[in-house]
Each structure stands twice: as C-alpha cells, then as structure tokens.
Amino acid sequence: MADKDKIQELVEAGIPPEEIAAAWEKYVRDEVNSLLDVFLPEAINGNVGVIYKRPVLRVDAATGKSILDENKATAVDIHVVFEFPKAVEFFDDKPSE
C-alpha cells in the first residue's frame, strides 16, 4: 500500500475492514519511519504530544458546555516536533508535505 488513495480504493472495493486496517497500518508505519529516518538523526531537541478528541456525552443545560467522555476517543492527534542546531538542507528527493 503506497498511499491514502489506495486505502480508499480498498474501502470502495468492499475489502474486509481487517485487511483495510492492516494496509492502513503499513502505510502509516512506512511514512512515519521514513520521516524519522531523515529528520531524527539531525535533531537535538523536540517534543512529542498527543491530543485526544473526546466524544460528547451530553450538553449541560445550565452552562451549555459539552460534557466529554474521558474514557473514550474518536480520534488521536500525534505531534512530533524536531529542533535542529542549524538549518537543515533539503535534498533532491525530500519527503512530501
């Protein structure tokens, strides 16, 4: 599996969810590892963060605020920041944005 478009093709072709999940996992691991191979050796500092998108249980009638389910997540954003000691030059075949 080379890209997200191929994952979408699998969904539209009626491929079982388990096979789609395996293809998606391979795609993500390949992409992340490729970026780590390029940038991590150059980094001297950085940060890793996780942001959870929580499902709404209900809306508080008195305040109008959403009450979130802290035991579940509908999505997870993972952020990795690399800081370099000096500007890093890109090469002819730089990672896609």
N, C-alpha and C. Protein backbone atom coordinates (compact mmCIF):
# COMPACT_ATOMS: atom_id res chain seq x y z
N MET A 1 0.85 -1.17 0.00
CA MET A 1 0.00 0.00 0.00
C MET A 1 0.90 1.23 0.00
N ALA A 2 0.79 2.04 -1.00
CA ALA A 2 1.69 3.18 -1.12
C ALA A 2 1.10 4.48 -0.62
N ASP A 3 -0.22 4.66 -0.69
CA ASP A 3 -0.76 5.95 -0.27
C ASP A 3 -2.22 5.85 0.15
N LYS A 4 -2.74 6.99 0.63
CA LYS A 4 -4.13 7.02 1.12
C LYS A 4 -5.14 6.73 0.02
N ASP A 5 -4.84 7.10 -1.21
CA ASP A 5 -5.78 6.84 -2.31
C ASP A 5 -6.02 5.34 -2.48
N LYS A 6 -4.97 4.56 -2.31
CA LYS A 6 -5.13 3.12 -2.44
C LYS A 6 -5.97 2.56 -1.30
N ILE A 7 -5.85 3.14 -0.12
CA ILE A 7 -6.69 2.73 1.01
C ILE A 7 -8.15 2.98 0.66
N GLN A 8 -8.44 4.15 0.09
CA GLN A 8 -9.81 4.48 -0.30
C GLN A 8 -10.32 3.51 -1.36
N GLU A 9 -9.46 3.10 -2.27
CA GLU A 9 -9.85 2.11 -3.27
C GLU A 9 -10.26 0.79 -2.61
N LEU A 10 -9.54 0.40 -1.57
CA LEU A 10 -9.89 -0.83 -0.85
C LEU A 10 -11.27 -0.71 -0.20
N VAL A 11 -11.54 0.45 0.39
CA VAL A 11 -12.85 0.69 1.03
C VAL A 11 -13.95 0.56 -0.01
N GLU A 12 -13.77 1.21 -1.15
CA GLU A 12 -14.78 1.21 -2.21
C GLU A 12 -14.94 -0.17 -2.84
N ALA A 13 -13.90 -0.99 -2.79
CA ALA A 13 -13.96 -2.33 -3.38
C ALA A 13 -14.60 -3.35 -2.45
N GLY A 14 -14.96 -2.93 -1.25
CA GLY A 14 -15.61 -3.84 -0.32
C GLY A 14 -14.66 -4.80 0.38
N ILE A 15 -13.40 -4.43 0.49
CA ILE A 15 -12.41 -5.26 1.18
C ILE A 15 -12.76 -5.29 2.67
N PRO A 16 -12.61 -6.43 3.34
CA PRO A 16 -12.94 -6.52 4.77
C PRO A 16 -12.17 -5.48 5.60
N PRO A 17 -12.82 -4.95 6.64
CA PRO A 17 -12.19 -3.92 7.48
C PRO A 17 -10.84 -4.32 8.06
N GLU A 18 -10.66 -5.60 8.38
CA GLU A 18 -9.39 -6.06 8.94
C GLU A 18 -8.25 -5.88 7.94
N GLU A 19 -8.53 -6.16 6.68
CA GLU A 19 -7.50 -6.00 5.64
C GLU A 19 -7.20 -4.52 5.39
N ILE A 20 -8.23 -3.70 5.44
CA ILE A 20 -8.03 -2.26 5.27
C ILE A 20 -7.21 -1.72 6.43
N ALA A 21 -7.51 -2.16 7.65
CA ALA A 21 -6.76 -1.72 8.83
C ALA A 21 -5.29 -2.12 8.71
N ALA A 22 -5.02 -3.32 8.24
CA ALA A 22 -3.64 -3.78 8.08
C ALA A 22 -2.91 -2.95 7.03
N ALA A 23 -3.58 -2.64 5.93
CA ALA A 23 -2.97 -1.82 4.87
C ALA A 23 -2.70 -0.41 5.38
N TRP A 24 -3.66 0.14 6.12
CA TRP A 24 -3.50 1.50 6.68
C TRP A 24 -2.34 1.52 7.67
N GLU A 25 -2.25 0.51 8.52
CA GLU A 25 -1.16 0.43 9.49
C GLU A 25 0.19 0.40 8.78
N LYS A 26 0.31 -0.39 7.74
CA LYS A 26 1.57 -0.47 6.99
C LYS A 26 1.92 0.88 6.37
N TYR A 27 0.93 1.53 5.77
CA TYR A 27 1.15 2.85 5.16
C TYR A 27 1.66 3.85 6.20
N VAL A 28 0.99 3.94 7.35
CA VAL A 28 1.38 4.90 8.38
C VAL A 28 2.77 4.59 8.91
N ARG A 29 3.04 3.33 9.21
CA ARG A 29 4.36 2.96 9.72
C ARG A 29 5.46 3.30 8.71
N ASP A 30 5.24 3.01 7.44
CA ASP A 30 6.23 3.31 6.41
C ASP A 30 6.48 4.81 6.32
N GLU A 31 5.42 5.62 6.32
CA GLU A 31 5.56 7.07 6.22
C GLU A 31 6.28 7.65 7.43
N VAL A 32 5.85 7.26 8.61
CA VAL A 32 6.46 7.80 9.83
C VAL A 32 7.92 7.38 9.93
N ASN A 33 8.20 6.11 9.68
CA ASN A 33 9.58 5.65 9.76
C ASN A 33 10.47 6.35 8.75
N SER A 34 9.95 6.62 7.56
CA SER A 34 10.71 7.33 6.54
C SER A 34 11.09 8.73 7.04
N LEU A 35 10.14 9.42 7.64
CA LEU A 35 10.41 10.77 8.16
C LEU A 35 11.36 10.72 9.35
N LEU A 36 11.19 9.75 10.22
CA LEU A 36 12.09 9.60 11.36
C LEU A 36 13.52 9.33 10.88
N ASP A 37 13.66 8.49 9.87
CA ASP A 37 14.99 8.18 9.33
C ASP A 37 15.69 9.43 8.81
N VAL A 38 14.93 10.36 8.24
CA VAL A 38 15.51 11.56 7.66
C VAL A 38 15.82 12.60 8.73
N PHE A 39 14.86 12.89 9.59
CA PHE A 39 14.98 14.05 10.47
C PHE A 39 15.49 13.76 11.88
N LEU A 40 15.19 12.61 12.43
CA LEU A 40 15.59 12.34 13.81
C LEU A 40 17.11 12.39 14.02
N PRO A 41 17.92 11.87 13.11
CA PRO A 41 19.37 11.93 13.34
C PRO A 41 19.92 13.36 13.40
N GLU A 42 19.22 14.32 12.79
CA GLU A 42 19.66 15.71 12.77
C GLU A 42 19.19 16.50 13.99
N ALA A 43 18.18 16.00 14.68
CA ALA A 43 17.54 16.76 15.75
C ALA A 43 18.35 16.73 17.04
N ILE A 44 18.32 17.87 17.77
CA ILE A 44 18.96 17.92 19.08
C ILE A 44 17.93 18.09 20.20
N ASN A 45 16.69 18.39 19.81
CA ASN A 45 15.64 18.60 20.79
C ASN A 45 14.30 18.45 20.08
N GLY A 46 13.23 18.51 20.84
CA GLY A 46 11.92 18.43 20.22
C GLY A 46 10.85 18.12 21.24
N ASN A 47 9.74 17.65 20.74
CA ASN A 47 8.61 17.36 21.61
C ASN A 47 7.72 16.33 20.94
N VAL A 48 7.08 15.52 21.76
CA VAL A 48 6.07 14.58 21.29
C VAL A 48 4.81 14.87 22.09
N GLY A 49 3.70 15.08 21.41
CA GLY A 49 2.45 15.36 22.10
C GLY A 49 1.31 14.55 21.53
N VAL A 50 0.33 14.30 22.39
CA VAL A 50 -0.86 13.56 21.99
C VAL A 50 -2.08 14.38 22.40
N ILE A 51 -2.99 14.58 21.47
CA ILE A 51 -4.24 15.28 21.74
C ILE A 51 -5.37 14.32 21.41
N TYR A 52 -6.25 14.11 22.36
CA TYR A 52 -7.38 13.20 22.18
C TYR A 52 -8.64 13.99 21.84
N LYS A 53 -9.36 13.55 20.83
CA LYS A 53 -10.67 14.12 20.53
C LYS A 53 -11.69 13.22 21.23
N ARG A 54 -12.36 13.77 22.21
CA ARG A 54 -13.29 13.00 23.04
C ARG A 54 -14.73 13.13 22.53
N PRO A 55 -15.50 12.04 22.62
CA PRO A 55 -16.90 12.13 22.23
C PRO A 55 -17.70 12.89 23.30
N VAL A 56 -18.73 13.58 22.85
CA VAL A 56 -19.60 14.33 23.77
C VAL A 56 -20.63 13.39 24.36
N LEU A 57 -20.70 13.36 25.69
CA LEU A 57 -21.72 12.55 26.37
C LEU A 57 -23.06 13.28 26.37
N ARG A 58 -23.00 14.57 26.71
CA ARG A 58 -24.22 15.39 26.76
C ARG A 58 -23.80 16.85 26.87
N VAL A 59 -24.78 17.71 26.76
CA VAL A 59 -24.55 19.14 26.95
C VAL A 59 -25.24 19.55 28.24
N ASP A 60 -24.49 20.22 29.11
CA ASP A 60 -25.03 20.69 30.39
C ASP A 60 -26.05 21.79 30.11
N ALA A 61 -27.30 21.56 30.53
CA ALA A 61 -28.38 22.51 30.26
C ALA A 61 -28.14 23.85 30.94
N ALA A 62 -27.54 23.84 32.10
CA ALA A 62 -27.33 25.09 32.85
C ALA A 62 -26.23 25.96 32.24
N THR A 63 -25.13 25.33 31.80
CA THR A 63 -23.99 26.10 31.31
C THR A 63 -23.86 26.09 29.79
N GLY A 64 -24.48 25.10 29.14
CA GLY A 64 -24.34 24.96 27.69
C GLY A 64 -23.03 24.32 27.28
N LYS A 65 -22.23 23.89 28.26
CA LYS A 65 -20.94 23.28 27.96
C LYS A 65 -21.10 21.79 27.68
N SER A 66 -20.27 21.29 26.79
CA SER A 66 -20.27 19.87 26.46
C SER A 66 -19.58 19.09 27.58
N ILE A 67 -20.17 17.97 27.94
CA ILE A 67 -19.56 17.04 28.90
C ILE A 67 -18.95 15.92 28.06
N LEU A 68 -17.64 15.77 28.15
CA LEU A 68 -16.92 14.82 27.31
C LEU A 68 -16.74 13.49 28.03
N ASP A 69 -16.68 12.42 27.26
CA ASP A 69 -16.39 11.09 27.79
C ASP A 69 -14.87 10.96 27.87
N GLU A 70 -14.33 11.01 29.07
CA GLU A 70 -12.88 10.97 29.27
C GLU A 70 -12.29 9.56 29.12
N ASN A 71 -13.15 8.56 28.95
CA ASN A 71 -12.68 7.18 28.82
C ASN A 71 -12.61 6.71 27.37
N LYS A 72 -12.99 7.58 26.44
CA LYS A 72 -13.01 7.19 25.03
C LYS A 72 -12.41 8.31 24.17
N ALA A 73 -12.07 7.94 22.95
CA ALA A 73 -11.59 8.92 21.98
C ALA A 73 -12.13 8.55 20.61
N THR A 74 -12.47 9.56 19.83
CA THR A 74 -12.90 9.34 18.45
C THR A 74 -11.76 9.58 17.47
N ALA A 75 -10.69 10.22 17.96
CA ALA A 75 -9.51 10.48 17.14
C ALA A 75 -8.35 10.82 18.07
N VAL A 76 -7.15 10.65 17.55
CA VAL A 76 -5.95 11.00 18.30
C VAL A 76 -5.02 11.74 17.35
N ASP A 77 -4.58 12.93 17.75
CA ASP A 77 -3.58 13.68 17.00
C ASP A 77 -2.24 13.47 17.69
N ILE A 78 -1.25 13.00 16.94
CA ILE A 78 0.09 12.81 17.48
C ILE A 78 0.99 13.82 16.78
N HIS A 79 1.65 14.63 17.59
CA HIS A 79 2.53 15.67 17.06
C HIS A 79 3.96 15.38 17.47
N VAL A 80 4.85 15.42 16.49
CA VAL A 80 6.27 15.24 16.75
C VAL A 80 6.98 16.46 16.19
N VAL A 81 7.75 17.13 17.04
CA VAL A 81 8.48 18.33 16.64
C VAL A 81 9.97 18.05 16.78
N PHE A 82 10.72 18.33 15.75
CA PHE A 82 12.17 18.19 15.79
C PHE A 82 12.78 19.57 15.72
N GLU A 83 13.76 19.84 16.58
CA GLU A 83 14.51 21.08 16.54
C GLU A 83 15.95 20.76 16.16
N PHE A 84 16.49 21.55 15.23
CA PHE A 84 17.83 21.30 14.71
C PHE A 84 18.80 22.36 15.20
N PRO A 85 20.08 22.03 15.32
CA PRO A 85 21.05 23.01 15.79
C PRO A 85 21.31 24.12 14.76
N LYS A 86 21.06 23.82 13.52
CA LYS A 86 21.20 24.81 12.43
C LYS A 86 20.21 24.42 11.34
N ALA A 87 20.03 25.27 10.37
CA ALA A 87 19.10 24.98 9.28
C ALA A 87 19.50 23.68 8.58
N VAL A 88 18.52 22.87 8.28
CA VAL A 88 18.75 21.60 7.61
C VAL A 88 18.46 21.79 6.13
N GLU A 89 19.40 21.38 5.29
CA GLU A 89 19.19 21.49 3.85
C GLU A 89 18.38 20.30 3.36
N PHE A 90 17.40 20.59 2.51
CA PHE A 90 16.66 19.51 1.89
C PHE A 90 17.49 18.95 0.75
N PHE A 91 17.15 17.81 0.33
CA PHE A 91 17.88 17.11 -0.70
C PHE A 91 16.97 17.03 -1.92
N ASP A 92 17.45 16.46 -3.01
CA ASP A 92 16.65 16.40 -4.24
C ASP A 92 15.34 15.67 -4.06
N ASP A 93 15.33 14.64 -3.25
CA ASP A 93 14.12 13.82 -3.07
C ASP A 93 13.59 14.00 -1.66
N LYS A 94 13.13 15.21 -1.32
CA LYS A 94 12.67 15.48 0.04
C LYS A 94 11.30 14.83 0.29
N PRO A 95 10.97 14.56 1.54
CA PRO A 95 9.67 13.97 1.86
C PRO A 95 8.53 14.89 1.41
N SER A 96 7.43 14.30 0.99
CA SER A 96 6.30 15.11 0.57
C SER A 96 5.64 15.76 1.77
N GLU A 97 5.00 16.88 1.53
CA GLU A 97 4.34 17.62 2.61
C GLU A 97 2.90 17.22 2.72
